[in-house]
Amino acid sequence: MVDNILDRIVVPVSGEDDAVKTAKAVAPYFNGSEIIAVYVIEKAGGAPNKAPMDAAEEHGRKALDAFEEELAEHSDKIKKEILFGSEVADTVLKEAEDRGATVVFVAREGGRFIRLLTGDNAISFVTKNRIPVVSLPRPE
């Protein structure tokens, strides 16, 4: 484990626009941390995948590149990872735990109906965690 909970952080992103907003939210708190930006491709447990794998990986690469570009002056501190898992929050939490890192996330936009349909990773990050989790406000 690191000395300061923000020395090594895992930051999930869900697409290019989200990656830019998340990077803008992280930037004011950046303290020279090691940042592991992650994009999770949801794998359906035994069911067909939601999107073709190549398309999903390309979407993930574009999102991670957008995050890194927004924090270009710190790109030497950013690692980018595409992860695979059946539950986004569980996958992110396990990656952070394996790396001795803190999860830093920005709550996504969307009302109760959208969260009901898509699941709410923010709630899972807070209720399923075994490691520090920090929620940042969305940038204006």
Protein backbone atom coordinates (compact mmCIF):
# COMPACT_ATOMS: atom_id res chain seq x y z
CA MET A 1 0.00 0.00 0.00
CA VAL A 2 1.12 3.55 -0.65
CA ASP A 3 1.72 6.23 2.03
CA ASN A 4 -0.93 8.66 0.80
CA ILE A 5 -4.25 7.38 -0.55
CA LEU A 6 -3.82 9.59 -3.62
CA ASP A 7 -0.27 8.48 -4.48
CA ARG A 8 -1.62 5.74 -6.79
CA ILE A 9 -5.12 6.04 -8.18
CA VAL A 10 -7.29 3.99 -10.51
CA VAL A 11 -9.62 6.18 -12.55
CA PRO A 12 -12.39 4.51 -14.57
CA VAL A 13 -13.67 6.10 -17.78
CA SER A 14 -16.63 5.04 -19.90
CA GLY A 15 -16.14 6.85 -23.21
CA GLU A 16 -14.36 9.77 -24.83
CA ASP A 17 -16.61 12.53 -23.48
CA ASP A 18 -16.64 10.97 -20.03
CA ALA A 19 -12.85 10.62 -20.15
CA VAL A 20 -12.40 14.34 -20.84
CA LYS A 21 -14.81 15.30 -18.04
CA THR A 22 -13.14 12.88 -15.65
CA ALA A 23 -9.65 14.19 -16.49
CA LYS A 24 -10.85 17.75 -15.90
CA ALA A 25 -12.22 16.67 -12.52
CA VAL A 26 -8.96 14.92 -11.57
CA ALA A 27 -6.64 17.74 -12.73
CA PRO A 28 -7.14 20.16 -9.79
CA TYR A 29 -6.33 17.38 -7.30
CA PHE A 30 -3.37 15.94 -9.19
CA ASN A 31 -0.36 15.79 -6.88
CA GLY A 32 2.09 13.81 -8.96
CA SER A 33 0.09 10.63 -8.44
CA GLU A 34 0.53 7.51 -10.46
CA ILE A 35 -2.70 7.37 -12.45
CA ILE A 36 -4.03 4.12 -13.87
CA ALA A 37 -6.85 5.06 -16.23
CA VAL A 38 -9.08 2.06 -16.90
CA TYR A 39 -11.82 1.23 -19.34
CA VAL A 40 -13.87 -1.87 -18.59
CA ILE A 41 -15.33 -4.01 -21.34
CA GLU A 42 -18.28 -5.84 -19.89
CA LYS A 43 -18.17 -9.53 -20.68
CA ALA A 44 -21.51 -11.26 -20.52
CA GLY A 45 -21.23 -14.34 -18.32
CA GLY A 46 -22.05 -17.04 -20.88
CA ALA A 47 -24.31 -14.74 -22.94
CA PRO A 48 -23.31 -13.04 -26.19
CA ASN A 49 -21.25 -9.89 -25.67
CA LYS A 50 -23.04 -6.58 -26.04
CA ALA A 51 -20.68 -5.31 -28.75
CA PRO A 52 -18.11 -6.88 -31.07
CA MET A 53 -14.81 -7.15 -29.19
CA ASP A 54 -12.75 -5.15 -31.70
CA ALA A 55 -15.22 -2.27 -31.60
CA ALA A 56 -15.34 -2.34 -27.79
CA GLU A 57 -11.53 -2.32 -27.54
CA GLU A 58 -11.27 0.56 -30.02
CA HIS A 59 -13.88 2.53 -28.03
CA GLY A 60 -11.82 1.87 -24.89
CA ARG A 61 -8.55 2.96 -26.51
CA LYS A 62 -10.14 6.20 -27.73
CA ALA A 63 -11.52 6.91 -24.26
CA LEU A 64 -8.17 6.27 -22.58
CA ASP A 65 -6.33 8.37 -25.17
CA ALA A 66 -8.79 11.25 -24.57
CA PHE A 67 -8.13 11.03 -20.82
CA GLU A 68 -4.36 11.08 -21.35
CA GLU A 69 -4.57 13.94 -23.86
CA GLU A 70 -6.53 16.08 -21.39
CA LEU A 71 -3.75 15.55 -18.82
CA ALA A 72 -0.96 15.70 -21.41
CA GLU A 73 1.49 17.52 -19.14
CA HIS A 74 1.33 14.55 -16.76
CA SER A 75 1.32 11.77 -19.37
CA ASP A 76 4.50 10.25 -17.92
CA LYS A 77 2.47 9.41 -14.77
CA ILE A 78 -0.49 7.85 -16.63
CA LYS A 79 -0.90 4.17 -17.41
CA LYS A 80 -3.83 3.03 -19.54
CA GLU A 81 -5.49 -0.35 -19.15
CA ILE A 82 -8.42 -2.05 -20.83
CA LEU A 83 -9.99 -4.49 -18.40
CA PHE A 84 -12.56 -7.23 -18.91
CA GLY A 85 -15.24 -8.22 -16.41
CA SER A 86 -18.91 -8.98 -15.95
CA GLU A 87 -19.42 -6.12 -13.45
CA VAL A 88 -17.74 -2.76 -14.05
CA ALA A 89 -17.47 -1.70 -10.40
CA ASP A 90 -16.18 -5.10 -9.23
CA THR A 91 -13.57 -5.12 -12.01
CA VAL A 92 -12.36 -1.60 -11.16
CA LEU A 93 -12.25 -2.33 -7.43
CA LYS A 94 -10.27 -5.54 -7.97
CA GLU A 95 -7.76 -3.73 -10.21
CA ALA A 96 -7.28 -1.04 -7.57
CA GLU A 97 -6.93 -3.61 -4.79
CA ASP A 98 -4.39 -5.61 -6.81
CA ARG A 99 -2.34 -2.45 -7.39
CA GLY A 100 -2.63 -1.06 -3.85
CA ALA A 101 -4.46 1.95 -5.25
CA THR A 102 -7.42 4.16 -4.46
CA VAL A 103 -10.38 4.37 -6.84
CA VAL A 104 -11.09 7.96 -7.87
CA PHE A 105 -14.28 8.38 -9.86
CA VAL A 106 -16.64 11.06 -11.07
CA ALA A 107 -20.34 10.24 -10.76
CA ARG A 108 -22.00 9.96 -14.17
CA GLU A 109 -24.94 12.03 -15.26
CA GLY A 110 -28.33 10.41 -15.45
CA GLY A 111 -31.52 10.22 -13.50
CA ARG A 112 -32.93 7.36 -11.50
CA PHE A 113 -34.43 5.72 -14.58
CA ILE A 114 -31.08 5.65 -16.40
CA ARG A 115 -29.36 4.24 -13.30
CA LEU A 116 -32.08 1.60 -13.01
CA LEU A 117 -31.51 0.51 -16.62
CA THR A 118 -27.73 0.65 -16.65
CA GLY A 119 -26.84 -0.09 -13.05
CA ASP A 120 -25.20 2.49 -10.83
CA ASN A 121 -21.47 1.97 -10.49
CA ALA A 122 -21.17 4.88 -8.06
CA ILE A 123 -23.30 3.02 -5.52
CA SER A 124 -21.28 -0.16 -6.07
CA PHE A 125 -17.99 1.70 -5.61
CA VAL A 126 -19.18 2.94 -2.23
CA THR A 127 -20.92 -0.20 -0.97
CA LYS A 128 -18.62 -2.96 -2.28
CA ASN A 129 -15.27 -1.40 -1.56
CA ARG A 130 -12.45 -2.96 0.42
CA ILE A 131 -10.13 -0.09 -0.44
CA PRO A 132 -10.29 3.72 -0.34
CA VAL A 133 -12.71 5.25 -2.84
CA VAL A 134 -12.87 8.98 -3.62
CA SER A 135 -15.76 10.59 -5.47
CA LEU A 136 -14.94 13.87 -7.22
CA PRO A 137 -17.48 16.48 -8.26
CA ARG A 138 -18.21 16.78 -11.96
CA PRO A 139 -16.41 19.70 -13.56
CA GLU A 140 -18.57 22.71 -14.40
